[in-house]
Protein backbone atom coordinates (compact mmCIF):
# COMPACT_ATOMS: atom_id res chain seq x y z
CA MET A 1 15.54 73.97 126.93
CA LEU A 2 15.49 75.27 123.35
CA ALA A 3 13.83 78.93 122.05
CA ARG A 4 12.47 80.44 119.47
CA ILE A 5 13.73 84.27 118.25
CA TYR A 6 11.47 85.41 115.27
CA ARG A 7 9.38 88.22 113.80
CA PRO A 8 5.86 86.59 113.72
CA ALA A 9 4.02 87.10 110.61
CA ARG A 10 1.05 89.30 109.47
CA ASN A 11 -2.34 88.45 111.01
CA ALA A 12 -4.26 86.73 107.74
CA MET A 13 -7.62 88.32 108.44
CA GLN A 14 -6.16 91.70 108.22
CA SER A 15 -4.48 93.87 106.17
CA GLY A 16 -2.39 95.88 108.78
CA THR A 17 0.98 95.04 109.83
CA ALA A 18 0.84 95.81 113.37
CA ARG A 19 3.00 93.61 115.75
CA THR A 20 4.92 92.28 113.02
CA ARG A 21 8.20 94.84 113.33
CA ASP A 22 9.19 93.34 116.97
CA TRP A 23 11.22 90.11 117.54
CA MET A 24 9.83 87.69 119.73
CA LEU A 25 11.87 84.68 122.43
CA GLU A 26 9.29 81.81 122.64
CA PHE A 27 9.83 78.32 123.85
CA GLU A 28 9.56 75.31 122.53
CA PRO A 29 7.53 73.41 124.75
CA ALA A 30 8.57 70.84 127.14
CA GLU A 31 5.85 68.71 127.31
CA ALA A 32 2.76 67.57 125.86
CA LYS A 33 -0.20 68.91 127.19
CA ARG A 34 -2.83 66.66 128.47
CA ALA A 35 -6.32 66.66 129.04
CA ASP A 36 -8.00 66.74 132.08
CA PRO A 37 -10.27 63.92 132.62
CA LEU A 38 -12.92 66.29 135.03
CA THR A 39 -13.19 68.98 133.24
CA GLY A 40 -11.64 68.48 130.00
CA TRP A 41 -9.86 71.84 129.79
CA THR A 42 -6.31 70.81 127.90
CA GLY A 43 -3.02 71.89 130.41
CA SER A 44 0.60 71.17 130.85
CA GLY A 45 2.78 71.65 133.57
CA ASP A 46 5.45 73.59 131.47
CA MET A 47 5.65 77.53 132.90
CA ARG A 48 7.36 78.34 130.52
CA ARG A 49 5.46 78.05 127.10
CA GLN A 50 3.37 80.55 128.63
CA LEU A 51 6.57 83.12 128.60
CA ARG A 52 6.53 85.42 125.77
CA LEU A 53 9.55 88.32 125.42
CA SER A 54 9.40 91.18 122.61
CA PHE A 55 12.15 92.47 122.02
CA ASP A 56 13.24 95.72 119.41
CA THR A 57 15.89 94.01 117.57
CA ARG A 58 17.33 90.57 116.32
CA ASP A 59 20.69 91.37 117.74
CA GLU A 60 18.84 92.32 121.41
CA ALA A 61 16.83 88.96 121.79
CA ILE A 62 19.98 87.02 120.95
CA ALA A 63 22.05 88.75 123.52
CA TYR A 64 19.04 88.02 126.37
CA ALA A 65 19.85 84.30 125.29
CA GLU A 66 22.99 84.37 125.09
CA LYS A 67 23.06 86.66 129.13
CA TYR A 68 21.43 83.99 130.27
CA GLY A 69 22.35 80.98 128.66
CA ILE A 70 19.37 80.06 126.54
CA ALA A 71 20.22 77.96 123.51
CA PHE A 72 18.40 79.15 121.22
CA GLN A 73 17.48 79.50 116.87
CA VAL A 74 16.85 82.34 114.84
CA PHE A 75 14.08 81.96 111.86
CA GLU A 76 13.91 84.99 109.66
CA PRO A 77 11.87 86.15 108.28
CA HIS A 78 9.97 86.20 104.88
CA GLU A 79 9.94 89.84 103.51
CA ARG A 80 6.74 91.01 101.90
CA LYS A 81 7.38 91.79 97.81
CA PRO A 82 4.47 94.99 97.56
CA ILE A 83 3.38 94.74 93.64
CA PRO A 84 2.18 98.80 93.43
CA LYS A 85 -1.02 98.47 91.92
CA SER A 86 -3.16 101.58 90.71
CA TYR A 87 -6.75 102.08 89.68
CA SER A 88 -6.52 102.80 86.86
CA ASP A 89 -5.18 99.84 85.44
CA ASN A 90 -7.93 97.87 85.77
CA PHE A 91 -9.15 100.92 82.79
CA ARG A 92 -6.21 100.06 80.33
CA TYR A 93 -6.39 99.59 76.93
CA THR A 94 -3.45 97.32 77.03
CA ARG A 95 -4.75 94.85 79.82
CA LYS A 96 -3.63 91.23 79.95
CA GLY A 97 -6.74 89.75 81.85
CA LEU A 98 -10.52 89.42 80.93
CA TRP A 99 -12.75 91.97 81.90
CA THR A 100 -15.06 90.19 84.80
CA HIS A 101 -17.74 93.87 84.65
């Protein structure tokens, strides 16, 4: 059973960075989901799919996986490059963009 170790990306619907600092260990699905013929709900017999462990650092997650003999793959996060902006730049004389207001 292969596990993924990654740092989750921020929510696209929010501007904050909550829950993006921890590292997650999550198992790959062992079997495909299937639809229940009676209710139409989807389900699976794979109980490890529900397991999601949180760690403070990448090294802690790797140490846990190695301790319990879990095969893992580490996905490095894409770091944001913040662009410093100022409100007064909207009214600068040397502004390159067109005025929209």
